[in-house]
C-alpha atoms as a PDB file:
ATOM      1  CA  MET A   1      -6.099  10.893   5.066  1.00  0.00           C
ATOM      2  CA  GLY A   2      -3.820   7.771   5.934  1.00  0.00           C
ATOM      3  CA  LEU A   3      -4.319   4.482   4.349  1.00  0.00           C
ATOM      4  CA  ASN A   4      -6.582   2.281   6.762  1.00  0.00           C
ATOM      5  CA  THR A   5      -8.637   5.158   6.731  1.00  0.00           C
ATOM      6  CA  VAL A   6      -8.713   5.476   2.891  1.00  0.00           C
ATOM      7  CA  TYR A   7      -8.774   1.411   2.664  1.00  0.00           C
ATOM      8  CA  LYS A   8     -11.907   1.229   5.134  1.00  0.00           C
ATOM      9  CA  ALA A   9     -13.452   3.784   2.285  1.00  0.00           C
ATOM     10  CA  ALA A  10     -12.821   2.345  -0.428  1.00  0.00           C
ATOM     11  CA  LEU A  11     -14.048  -1.279   1.006  1.00  0.00           C
ATOM     12  CA  ALA A  12     -17.628   0.580   1.638  1.00  0.00           C
ATOM     13  CA  THR A  13     -17.927   1.654  -1.633  1.00  0.00           C
ATOM     14  CA  ARG A  14     -17.390  -2.379  -2.968  1.00  0.00           C
ATOM     15  CA  SER A  15     -20.118  -5.022  -3.221  1.00  0.00           C
ATOM     16  CA  GLU A  16     -19.352  -8.447  -1.160  1.00  0.00           C
ATOM     17  CA  LYS A  17     -17.286  -9.534  -4.285  1.00  0.00           C
ATOM     18  CA  GLY A  18     -15.707  -6.679  -4.262  1.00  0.00           C
ATOM     19  CA  VAL A  19     -14.735  -6.643  -0.667  1.00  0.00           C
ATOM     20  CA  ALA A  20     -13.325 -10.016  -0.665  1.00  0.00           C
ATOM     21  CA  ALA A  21     -11.269  -9.053  -4.449  1.00  0.00           C
ATOM     22  CA  LEU A  22      -9.900  -5.505  -2.429  1.00  0.00           C
ATOM     23  CA  ARG A  23      -9.119  -7.651   0.646  1.00  0.00           C
ATOM     24  CA  GLU A  24      -7.347 -10.217  -1.142  1.00  0.00           C
ATOM     25  CA  ALA A  25      -5.245  -7.473  -3.213  1.00  0.00           C
ATOM     26  CA  GLN A  26      -4.674  -5.598  -0.077  1.00  0.00           C
ATOM     27  CA  ARG A  27      -2.919  -8.576   1.426  1.00  0.00           C
ATOM     28  CA  ALA A  28      -0.804  -9.481  -1.702  1.00  0.00           C
ATOM     29  CA  TRP A  29       0.390  -5.318  -1.383  1.00  0.00           C
ATOM     30  CA  ILE A  30       1.356  -5.975   1.835  1.00  0.00           C
ATOM     31  CA  THR A  31       3.337  -8.569   1.029  1.00  0.00           C
ATOM     32  CA  TYR A  32       5.102  -6.959  -1.915  1.00  0.00           C
ATOM     33  CA  ARG A  33       5.460  -3.408   0.206  1.00  0.00           C
ATOM     34  CA  ASP A  34       7.230  -5.808   2.893  1.00  0.00           C
ATOM     35  CA  ALA A  35       9.535  -7.572   0.681  1.00  0.00           C
ATOM     36  CA  ALA A  36      10.413  -4.256  -1.714  1.00  0.00           C
ATOM     37  CA  ALA A  37      11.623  -2.789   1.522  1.00  0.00           C
ATOM     38  CA  GLU A  38      13.428  -5.420   2.724  1.00  0.00           C
ATOM     39  CA  ALA A  39      15.092  -5.222  -0.533  1.00  0.00           C
ATOM     40  CA  TYR A  40      15.869  -1.819  -0.514  1.00  0.00           C
ATOM     41  CA  GLY A  41      17.275  -1.492   2.781  1.00  0.00           C
ATOM     42  CA  THR A  42      20.405  -4.469   1.769  1.00  0.00           C
ATOM     43  CA  GLY A  43      21.873  -1.861  -0.121  1.00  0.00           C
ATOM     44  CA  GLU A  44      22.494  -0.522   3.250  1.00  0.00           C
ATOM     45  CA  GLU A  45      23.412  -4.051   4.595  1.00  0.00           C
ATOM     46  CA  GLY A  46      24.865  -4.159   7.926  1.00  0.00           C
ATOM     47  CA  ASP A  47      25.100  -0.698   8.459  1.00  0.00           C
ATOM     48  CA  SER A  48      23.143   1.496  11.093  1.00  0.00           C
ATOM     49  CA  LEU A  49      21.247   2.807   7.756  1.00  0.00           C
ATOM     50  CA  GLU A  50      19.832  -0.187   6.836  1.00  0.00           C
ATOM     51  CA  ALA A  51      16.462  -0.147   9.126  1.00  0.00           C
ATOM     52  CA  LEU A  52      15.984   3.984   8.391  1.00  0.00           C
ATOM     53  CA  MET A  53      16.009   2.381   4.536  1.00  0.00           C
ATOM     54  CA  VAL A  54      13.437  -0.477   4.987  1.00  0.00           C
ATOM     55  CA  LEU A  55      11.504   2.010   6.641  1.00  0.00           C
ATOM     56  CA  ARG A  56      11.637   4.951   3.985  1.00  0.00           C
ATOM     57  CA  CYS A  57      10.700   2.691   1.263  1.00  0.00           C
ATOM     58  CA  SER A  58       8.122   1.422   3.451  1.00  0.00           C
ATOM     59  CA  GLU A  59       6.655   4.684   3.995  1.00  0.00           C
ATOM     60  CA  ALA A  60       6.990   5.778   0.253  1.00  0.00           C
ATOM     61  CA  LEU A  61       5.103   2.758  -0.961  1.00  0.00           C
ATOM     62  CA  THR A  62       2.219   2.995   1.285  1.00  0.00           C
ATOM     63  CA  LYS A  63       2.129   6.930   0.473  1.00  0.00           C
ATOM     64  CA  ASP A  64       1.819   5.514  -3.424  1.00  0.00           C
ATOM     65  CA  ARG A  65      -1.005   2.831  -2.272  1.00  0.00           C
ATOM     66  CA  THR A  66      -2.839   5.180  -0.390  1.00  0.00           C
ATOM     67  CA  ALA A  67      -3.534   7.580  -3.513  1.00  0.00           C
ATOM     68  CA  GLU A  68      -4.105   4.491  -5.601  1.00  0.00           C
ATOM     69  CA  LEU A  69      -6.788   3.756  -3.556  1.00  0.00           C
ATOM     70  CA  LYS A  70      -8.512   7.111  -3.571  1.00  0.00           C
ATOM     71  CA  LYS A  71      -7.836   7.091  -7.552  1.00  0.00           C
ATOM     72  CA  LEU A  72      -9.527   3.867  -8.050  1.00  0.00           C
ATOM     73  CA  TYR A  73     -12.048   3.704  -5.530  1.00  0.00           C
ATOM     74  CA  LEU A  74     -13.161   6.934  -4.196  1.00  0.00           C
ATOM     75  CA  SER A  75     -12.993   9.304  -7.376  1.00  0.00           C
ATOM     76  CA  ASP A  76     -15.796  10.346  -9.157  1.00  0.00           C
ATOM     77  CA  HIS A  77     -14.669   8.801 -12.662  1.00  0.00           C
ATOM     78  CA  TYR A  78     -12.771   5.989 -13.718  1.00  0.00           C
ATOM     79  CA  PRO A  79      -9.118   6.584 -13.861  1.00  0.00           C
ATOM     80  CA  TYR A  80      -8.635   3.699 -16.402  1.00  0.00           C
END
């Protein structure tokens, strides 16, 4: 299941207030993901690998976020 599918399923489990909070959190996470991936790519700044490093970091963070959303919103028990 991809991030967008999991995100939509998570939204479906929330109240109106929960939907607003999750949307805000997701927007903040997207900003974080993009900045973190860009920073990671600077390890190869100016090299042909820079874009690949940005993409790989973004992919890894997206996989982590997908798992986090599943754990927090779609599990049968509270993870914390």
